[in-house]
Amino acid sequence: MDQVAAAETLADLSKLPQTRVHELTQNRNEQISVDVKHPYRLLLQSDHDQTPRKADGGLDWPGITKVVVLGIVNTHE
């Protein structure tokens, strides 16, 4: 959790070992999943007034510098 808190951007999280950071889809669209301990994931979401986006509409990970923690859940239930 210290490493997650120390990350300056969402892109920094993807560089942490064994976090398997990825964007979710469907009913969790725009949420970001970070592996914690199987089967649990830390769920994050951009906390910007306007979420930074790439030209294709996806999240601009280097541009996301503020996130809110939504919780720790098993996203496969």
C-alpha atoms as a PDB file:
ATOM      1  CA  MET A   1       0.000   0.000   0.000  1.00  0.00           C
ATOM      2  CA  ASP A   2       2.934   2.336   0.643  1.00  0.00           C
ATOM      3  CA  GLN A   3       4.074   1.851  -2.954  1.00  0.00           C
ATOM      4  CA  VAL A   4       0.579   2.574  -4.244  1.00  0.00           C
ATOM      5  CA  ALA A   5       0.394   5.749  -2.161  1.00  0.00           C
ATOM      6  CA  ALA A   6       3.852   6.844  -3.366  1.00  0.00           C
ATOM      7  CA  ALA A   7       2.958   6.530  -7.065  1.00  0.00           C
ATOM      8  CA  GLU A   8       2.737   9.950  -8.705  1.00  0.00           C
ATOM      9  CA  THR A   9       0.627   8.780 -11.646  1.00  0.00           C
ATOM     10  CA  LEU A  10      -1.517   5.811 -12.549  1.00  0.00           C
ATOM     11  CA  ALA A  11       1.218   4.798 -14.995  1.00  0.00           C
ATOM     12  CA  ASP A  12       3.645   4.456 -12.064  1.00  0.00           C
ATOM     13  CA  LEU A  13       1.396   1.774 -10.555  1.00  0.00           C
ATOM     14  CA  SER A  14       1.769  -0.414 -13.625  1.00  0.00           C
ATOM     15  CA  LYS A  15       5.525  -0.552 -12.983  1.00  0.00           C
ATOM     16  CA  LEU A  16       5.149  -2.082  -9.525  1.00  0.00           C
ATOM     17  CA  PRO A  17       5.917  -5.807  -9.411  1.00  0.00           C
ATOM     18  CA  GLN A  18       2.950  -8.192  -9.417  1.00  0.00           C
ATOM     19  CA  THR A  19       0.219  -5.529  -9.273  1.00  0.00           C
ATOM     20  CA  ARG A  20      -1.322  -6.404 -12.661  1.00  0.00           C
ATOM     21  CA  VAL A  21      -2.931  -2.972 -12.925  1.00  0.00           C
ATOM     22  CA  HIS A  22      -5.645  -2.816 -15.574  1.00  0.00           C
ATOM     23  CA  GLU A  23      -8.794  -0.975 -16.569  1.00  0.00           C
ATOM     24  CA  LEU A  24     -12.090  -2.711 -15.993  1.00  0.00           C
ATOM     25  CA  THR A  25     -15.086  -2.731 -18.332  1.00  0.00           C
ATOM     26  CA  GLN A  26     -18.859  -3.248 -18.335  1.00  0.00           C
ATOM     27  CA  ASN A  27     -20.436  -2.365 -14.963  1.00  0.00           C
ATOM     28  CA  ARG A  28     -17.004  -1.291 -13.629  1.00  0.00           C
ATOM     29  CA  ASN A  29     -16.122   0.916 -16.609  1.00  0.00           C
ATOM     30  CA  GLU A  30     -13.488   3.575 -15.769  1.00  0.00           C
ATOM     31  CA  GLN A  31     -12.408   1.688 -12.659  1.00  0.00           C
ATOM     32  CA  ILE A  32      -8.829   0.480 -12.275  1.00  0.00           C
ATOM     33  CA  SER A  33      -8.015  -2.859 -10.673  1.00  0.00           C
ATOM     34  CA  VAL A  34      -4.794  -3.481  -8.724  1.00  0.00           C
ATOM     35  CA  ASP A  35      -4.014  -7.017  -7.541  1.00  0.00           C
ATOM     36  CA  VAL A  36      -3.705  -7.216  -3.773  1.00  0.00           C
ATOM     37  CA  LYS A  37      -3.992 -10.857  -2.692  1.00  0.00           C
ATOM     38  CA  HIS A  38      -5.900 -13.367  -4.795  1.00  0.00           C
ATOM     39  CA  PRO A  39      -8.847 -13.044  -5.276  1.00  0.00           C
ATOM     40  CA  TYR A  40      -8.957  -9.470  -3.954  1.00  0.00           C
ATOM     41  CA  ARG A  41      -8.343  -6.296  -5.938  1.00  0.00           C
ATOM     42  CA  LEU A  42      -7.926  -2.692  -4.902  1.00  0.00           C
ATOM     43  CA  LEU A  43     -10.351  -0.643  -6.998  1.00  0.00           C
ATOM     44  CA  LEU A  44      -9.433   2.896  -7.951  1.00  0.00           C
ATOM     45  CA  GLN A  45     -11.062   5.605 -10.038  1.00  0.00           C
ATOM     46  CA  SER A  46      -9.780   8.895 -11.393  1.00  0.00           C
ATOM     47  CA  ASP A  47     -10.453  11.789  -9.031  1.00  0.00           C
ATOM     48  CA  HIS A  48     -10.072  14.562 -11.623  1.00  0.00           C
ATOM     49  CA  ASP A  49     -12.914  16.928 -12.556  1.00  0.00           C
ATOM     50  CA  GLN A  50     -12.285  15.810 -16.144  1.00  0.00           C
ATOM     51  CA  THR A  51     -10.577  12.444 -16.417  1.00  0.00           C
ATOM     52  CA  PRO A  52      -7.456  12.663 -18.619  1.00  0.00           C
ATOM     53  CA  ARG A  53      -7.998  10.634 -21.795  1.00  0.00           C
ATOM     54  CA  LYS A  54      -6.016   9.431 -24.775  1.00  0.00           C
ATOM     55  CA  ALA A  55      -7.122  10.234 -28.320  1.00  0.00           C
ATOM     56  CA  ASP A  56      -8.845   6.822 -28.566  1.00  0.00           C
ATOM     57  CA  GLY A  57     -10.960   7.596 -25.467  1.00  0.00           C
ATOM     58  CA  GLY A  58      -9.072   5.338 -23.061  1.00  0.00           C
ATOM     59  CA  LEU A  59      -7.676   6.551 -19.774  1.00  0.00           C
ATOM     60  CA  ASP A  60      -4.450   8.572 -20.029  1.00  0.00           C
ATOM     61  CA  TRP A  61      -2.534   6.770 -17.285  1.00  0.00           C
ATOM     62  CA  PRO A  62       0.422   9.217 -17.109  1.00  0.00           C
ATOM     63  CA  GLY A  63      -2.069  12.088 -16.857  1.00  0.00           C
ATOM     64  CA  ILE A  64      -4.016  10.620 -13.945  1.00  0.00           C
ATOM     65  CA  THR A  65      -2.395  12.012 -10.826  1.00  0.00           C
ATOM     66  CA  LYS A  66      -5.343  11.765  -8.428  1.00  0.00           C
ATOM     67  CA  VAL A  67      -7.395   8.677  -7.671  1.00  0.00           C
ATOM     68  CA  VAL A  68     -10.026   7.720  -5.148  1.00  0.00           C
ATOM     69  CA  VAL A  69     -10.013   4.279  -3.524  1.00  0.00           C
ATOM     70  CA  LEU A  70     -13.361   2.587  -4.095  1.00  0.00           C
ATOM     71  CA  GLY A  71     -12.574  -0.447  -1.974  1.00  0.00           C
ATOM     72  CA  ILE A  72     -11.036  -3.898  -1.914  1.00  0.00           C
ATOM     73  CA  VAL A  73     -13.264  -6.479  -3.584  1.00  0.00           C
ATOM     74  CA  ASN A  74     -13.340  -9.785  -5.387  1.00  0.00           C
ATOM     75  CA  THR A  75     -14.271  -8.556  -8.883  1.00  0.00           C
ATOM     76  CA  HIS A  76     -15.015 -12.097 -10.079  1.00  0.00           C
ATOM     77  CA  GLU A  77     -18.017 -12.729  -7.820  1.00  0.00           C
END
